Amino acid sequence: MSQSVIEVSDLVVEYGKGAKKTRAVNGLSFAVRAGECVGFIGANGAGKSSTMKAMMGFLFPASGDVKVFGLRPGLAESRQRIGYLPEVALYYPFMKARELLELYGGLQGIPRAEMRGRIETILDRVGLASRGETLLRNYSKGMQQRLGIAQALIADPELMIFDELSSGLDPIGRHDLRNVLLDLKKAGRTIFFSSHELNEVESLCDRVVIIHRGKLVRDAPLAELKRDSGTQSLEEFYMGLIRKINSP
């Protein structure tokens, strides 16, 4: 069995204090093995983004534990091996795309001699080959999402964590992105992403982790979910599962 790249154990994430305290993640446990592509599914407010922020070390759990490459989240040793796309990526509007990638590439330790070639390749890969010198204030939401994916991939990371992967992308953008991720899967990279586009999850993922109100409700390979439930698609399975959970 492959080594676990991500290990989440009894994770609890809370916001606020006293009577206003809200529990966003409530005792969540799962693991992602090397080379897997795993979809992270749940409604808005289910706790997906909070879990991913805990993986990156951007927030501290109230209890429980998260390990990435066997290390505590947020350490430089692990972050340099991760490509991360947040739910909302905000970039300085007066930078150019090429300048932004130079910045992120430098932070990831890419030698300057390699930088230009990498940037040309990655811009072409995400469909922005002709927009490297365009100011980011002139980028559409879909173009900003493509650029966010480019910065996540610039250092050729072992693990990719994407929060709402295809947000803002049109059908062509989603098609292009799917091809990029399929290439990464073939190269043995580990991919963990959340998305409300269940058809996209079904076309890419080996396994899905489904959470509801901060708790794990299912963690299984796609084929197993459909076989055990008798459903034809992930969307059909998911909608049936949520109806059952919410029924009195």
Protein backbone atom coordinates (compact mmCIF):
# COMPACT_ATOMS: atom_id res chain seq x y z
CA MET A 1 0.00 0.00 0.00
CA SER A 2 1.25 3.50 -0.86
CA GLN A 3 2.43 5.81 1.89
CA SER A 4 -0.08 8.38 3.15
CA VAL A 5 0.73 11.90 1.97
CA ILE A 6 -2.11 13.52 3.94
CA GLU A 7 -3.32 12.23 7.31
CA VAL A 8 -6.26 13.91 9.05
CA SER A 9 -7.08 12.49 12.50
CA ASP A 10 -10.09 13.55 14.63
CA LEU A 11 -9.76 17.11 13.29
CA VAL A 12 -11.82 19.80 15.00
CA VAL A 13 -11.82 23.39 13.70
CA GLU A 14 -13.74 26.12 15.52
CA TYR A 15 -14.34 29.81 14.94
CA GLY A 16 -15.38 32.46 17.47
CA LYS A 17 -15.53 32.29 21.24
CA GLY A 18 -18.01 31.52 23.97
CA ALA A 19 -21.65 31.43 22.92
CA LYS A 20 -20.68 32.52 19.41
CA LYS A 21 -18.31 29.60 18.86
CA THR A 22 -18.99 27.67 15.66
CA ARG A 23 -17.60 24.19 14.96
CA ALA A 24 -16.75 24.06 11.24
CA VAL A 25 -15.03 20.65 11.31
CA ASN A 26 -16.16 18.06 13.83
CA GLY A 27 -13.91 15.04 14.41
CA LEU A 28 -12.91 14.46 10.79
CA SER A 29 -10.52 11.63 9.88
CA PHE A 30 -9.25 10.41 6.49
CA ALA A 31 -6.00 9.84 4.59
CA VAL A 32 -4.77 10.41 1.03
CA ARG A 33 -2.15 8.03 -0.34
CA ALA A 34 0.67 8.91 -2.73
CA GLY A 35 -0.47 8.99 -6.35
CA GLU A 36 -4.19 9.22 -5.58
CA CYS A 37 -6.60 11.76 -7.01
CA VAL A 38 -9.24 12.37 -4.35
CA GLY A 39 -12.34 14.55 -4.60
CA PHE A 40 -13.46 16.39 -1.45
CA ILE A 41 -17.23 16.87 -1.60
CA GLY A 42 -19.73 18.72 0.54
CA ALA A 43 -22.22 21.57 0.50
CA ASN A 44 -21.24 25.17 1.19
CA GLY A 45 -20.32 25.40 4.86
CA ALA A 46 -19.57 21.68 5.19
CA GLY A 47 -16.01 22.40 6.38
CA LYS A 48 -14.00 21.76 3.21
CA SER A 49 -12.06 25.04 3.12
CA SER A 50 -11.39 24.92 6.87
CA THR A 51 -9.95 21.42 6.49
CA MET A 52 -7.70 22.52 3.61
CA LYS A 53 -6.49 25.57 5.53
CA ALA A 54 -5.57 23.27 8.42
CA MET A 55 -3.62 21.10 5.96
CA MET A 56 -1.66 24.15 4.86
CA GLY A 57 -1.03 25.42 8.39
CA PHE A 58 -3.10 28.58 7.86
CA LEU A 59 -5.22 27.85 10.94
CA PHE A 60 -4.71 25.80 14.08
CA PRO A 61 -7.15 23.03 14.99
CA ALA A 62 -9.02 23.18 18.28
CA SER A 63 -8.10 19.50 18.60
CA GLY A 64 -7.05 16.56 16.49
CA ASP A 65 -4.11 16.37 14.16
CA VAL A 66 -3.06 16.88 10.54
CA LYS A 67 0.12 15.60 8.95
CA VAL A 68 1.35 16.33 5.41
CA PHE A 69 4.30 14.19 4.27
CA GLY A 70 4.43 13.05 7.89
CA LEU A 71 5.13 16.60 9.07
CA ARG A 72 3.20 19.29 10.91
CA PRO A 73 1.43 21.61 8.42
CA GLY A 74 3.02 24.92 7.57
CA LEU A 75 6.65 23.84 7.77
CA ALA A 76 8.80 25.04 4.85
CA GLU A 77 9.98 21.46 4.32
CA SER A 78 6.46 20.31 3.46
CA ARG A 79 5.12 23.49 1.82
CA GLN A 80 7.83 23.37 -0.84
CA ARG A 81 6.37 20.04 -1.97
CA ILE A 82 2.79 21.37 -2.25
CA GLY A 83 0.98 23.35 -4.94
CA TYR A 84 -1.99 25.15 -3.36
CA LEU A 85 -4.92 27.01 -4.91
CA PRO A 86 -7.15 28.79 -2.36
CA GLU A 87 -10.90 29.20 -2.79
CA VAL A 88 -10.41 32.92 -3.50
CA ALA A 89 -7.06 33.83 -5.05
CA LEU A 90 -6.31 37.56 -4.89
CA TYR A 91 -3.31 38.96 -6.76
CA TYR A 92 -1.82 42.44 -6.97
CA PRO A 93 -3.64 44.05 -9.93
CA PHE A 94 -0.65 45.97 -11.28
CA MET A 95 1.56 42.90 -11.63
CA LYS A 96 1.85 40.99 -14.87
CA ALA A 97 1.21 37.25 -15.01
CA ARG A 98 4.86 36.54 -15.77
CA GLU A 99 5.98 38.66 -12.81
CA LEU A 100 3.61 36.83 -10.49
CA LEU A 101 4.94 33.45 -11.55
CA GLU A 102 8.52 34.69 -11.10
CA LEU A 103 7.60 35.70 -7.55
CA TYR A 104 6.02 32.35 -6.68
CA GLY A 105 8.76 30.43 -8.45
CA GLY A 106 11.40 32.30 -6.47
CA LEU A 107 9.61 31.55 -3.21
CA GLN A 108 9.66 27.88 -4.18
CA GLY A 109 13.40 28.00 -4.78
CA ILE A 110 13.40 27.61 -8.57
CA PRO A 111 16.78 28.75 -9.99
CA ARG A 112 16.56 31.89 -12.13
CA ALA A 113 18.19 30.04 -15.03
CA GLU A 114 15.21 27.67 -15.14
CA MET A 115 12.51 30.22 -14.45
CA ARG A 116 11.85 31.59 -17.93
CA GLY A 117 11.43 28.19 -19.54
CA ARG A 118 9.16 26.98 -16.76
CA ILE A 119 6.95 30.05 -16.99
CA GLU A 120 6.58 29.75 -20.76
CA THR A 121 5.63 26.09 -20.41
CA ILE A 122 3.13 26.57 -17.60
CA LEU A 123 1.40 29.56 -19.22
CA ASP A 124 0.92 27.53 -22.35
CA ARG A 125 -0.30 24.56 -20.32
CA VAL A 126 -3.11 26.56 -18.66
CA GLY A 127 -4.12 28.44 -21.81
CA LEU A 128 -2.45 31.79 -21.07
CA ALA A 129 0.46 31.63 -23.50
CA SER A 130 -0.31 35.04 -25.03
CA ARG A 131 -1.20 36.79 -21.77
CA GLY A 132 2.05 36.69 -19.83
CA GLU A 133 2.60 40.44 -20.16
CA THR A 134 -1.02 41.40 -19.38
CA LEU A 135 -1.69 43.29 -16.14
CA LEU A 136 -3.73 41.19 -13.74
CA ARG A 137 -6.30 43.96 -13.34
CA ASN A 138 -7.32 43.14 -16.91
CA TYR A 139 -7.77 39.42 -16.23
CA SER A 140 -11.27 37.96 -16.12
CA LYS A 141 -12.26 35.68 -13.22
CA GLY A 142 -11.64 32.64 -15.39
CA MET A 143 -8.19 33.90 -16.41
CA GLN A 144 -7.31 34.56 -12.77
CA GLN A 145 -8.31 30.98 -11.95
CA ARG A 146 -6.06 29.68 -14.75
CA LEU A 147 -3.22 31.80 -13.38
CA GLY A 148 -3.89 30.48 -9.87
CA ILE A 149 -3.52 26.95 -11.20
CA ALA A 150 -0.30 27.99 -12.95
CA GLN A 151 1.22 29.32 -9.71
CA ALA A 152 0.23 26.11 -7.93
CA LEU A 153 2.03 24.03 -10.57
CA ILE A 154 5.08 26.22 -11.24
CA ALA A 155 7.42 24.23 -8.97
CA ASP A 156 6.20 20.82 -10.22
CA PRO A 157 4.95 19.83 -6.73
CA GLU A 158 4.40 16.28 -5.49
CA LEU A 159 1.05 17.19 -3.94
CA MET A 160 -1.63 19.54 -5.24
CA ILE A 161 -4.39 20.91 -3.00
CA PHE A 162 -7.08 22.85 -4.87
CA ASP A 163 -10.03 24.52 -3.13
CA GLU A 164 -12.96 24.83 -5.60
CA LEU A 165 -10.82 23.82 -8.53
CA SER A 166 -12.89 25.00 -11.51
CA SER A 167 -14.44 28.11 -9.97
CA GLY A 168 -14.98 30.74 -12.66
CA LEU A 169 -13.86 28.54 -15.55
CA ASP A 170 -15.97 28.23 -18.68
CA PRO A 171 -16.50 24.83 -20.38
CA ILE A 172 -13.32 25.23 -22.45
CA GLY A 173 -11.34 26.11 -19.33
CA ARG A 174 -12.71 23.09 -17.48
CA HIS A 175 -11.81 20.86 -20.44
CA ASP A 176 -8.25 22.23 -20.56
CA LEU A 177 -7.88 21.85 -16.80
CA ARG A 178 -9.10 18.26 -16.92
CA ASN A 179 -6.37 17.44 -19.45
CA VAL A 180 -3.73 19.06 -17.23
CA LEU A 181 -4.85 17.04 -14.22
CA LEU A 182 -5.01 13.80 -16.18
CA ASP A 183 -1.39 14.38 -17.25
CA LEU A 184 -0.44 14.97 -13.60
CA LYS A 185 -2.20 11.75 -12.59
CA LYS A 186 -0.26 9.82 -15.22
CA ALA A 187 2.94 11.34 -13.81
CA GLY A 188 2.08 9.94 -10.36
CA ARG A 189 1.31 13.23 -8.63
CA THR A 190 -1.08 13.29 -5.66
CA ILE A 191 -4.15 15.50 -6.16
CA PHE A 192 -6.71 16.52 -3.51
CA PHE A 193 -9.41 18.97 -4.55
CA SER A 194 -12.86 20.22 -3.69
CA SER A 195 -15.44 21.01 -6.33
CA HIS A 196 -19.19 21.43 -6.70
CA GLU A 197 -18.88 20.10 -10.26
CA LEU A 198 -19.58 16.45 -9.50
CA ASN A 199 -19.19 15.38 -13.14
CA GLU A 200 -15.67 16.80 -13.00
CA VAL A 201 -14.93 14.88 -9.80
CA GLU A 202 -16.27 11.68 -11.36
CA SER A 203 -14.13 12.08 -14.49
CA LEU A 204 -10.89 12.63 -12.56
CA CYS A 205 -10.97 10.97 -9.16
CA ASP A 206 -10.08 7.52 -7.90
CA ARG A 207 -11.87 8.13 -4.61
CA VAL A 208 -14.15 10.64 -2.92
CA VAL A 209 -14.32 11.94 0.65
CA ILE A 210 -17.78 13.31 1.45
CA ILE A 211 -18.42 15.51 4.47
CA HIS A 212 -21.59 17.06 5.86
CA ARG A 213 -21.71 19.64 8.64
CA GLY A 214 -18.08 19.03 9.44
CA LYS A 215 -18.34 15.25 9.73
CA LEU A 216 -17.26 12.44 7.45
CA VAL A 217 -20.21 10.64 5.87
CA ARG A 218 -18.46 8.54 3.23
CA ASP A 219 -14.92 7.76 2.10
CA ALA A 220 -14.71 5.22 -0.73
CA PRO A 221 -13.61 4.56 -4.32
CA LEU A 222 -16.10 5.82 -6.91
CA ALA A 223 -16.76 2.37 -8.30
CA GLU A 224 -17.61 1.07 -4.83
CA LEU A 225 -20.07 3.90 -4.16
CA LYS A 226 -21.99 3.29 -7.35
CA ARG A 227 -21.91 -0.49 -7.00
CA ASP A 228 -23.16 -0.54 -3.42
CA SER A 229 -25.89 2.05 -3.98
CA GLY A 230 -27.01 0.92 -7.44
CA THR A 231 -26.64 4.46 -8.81
CA GLN A 232 -25.27 5.41 -12.23
CA SER A 233 -23.42 8.61 -11.33
CA LEU A 234 -21.70 10.35 -8.44
CA GLU A 235 -24.30 13.13 -8.54
CA GLU A 236 -27.14 10.62 -8.19
CA PHE A 237 -25.38 8.94 -5.27
CA TYR A 238 -24.59 12.23 -3.53
CA MET A 239 -28.10 13.67 -3.82
CA GLY A 240 -29.58 10.44 -2.48
CA LEU A 241 -27.12 10.42 0.43
CA ILE A 242 -27.89 14.01 1.44
CA ARG A 243 -31.65 13.44 1.20
CA LYS A 244 -31.26 10.46 3.51
CA ILE A 245 -29.15 12.43 6.01
CA ASN A 246 -31.61 15.33 6.05
CA SER A 247 -34.75 13.23 6.29
CA PRO A 248 -36.54 13.35 9.68
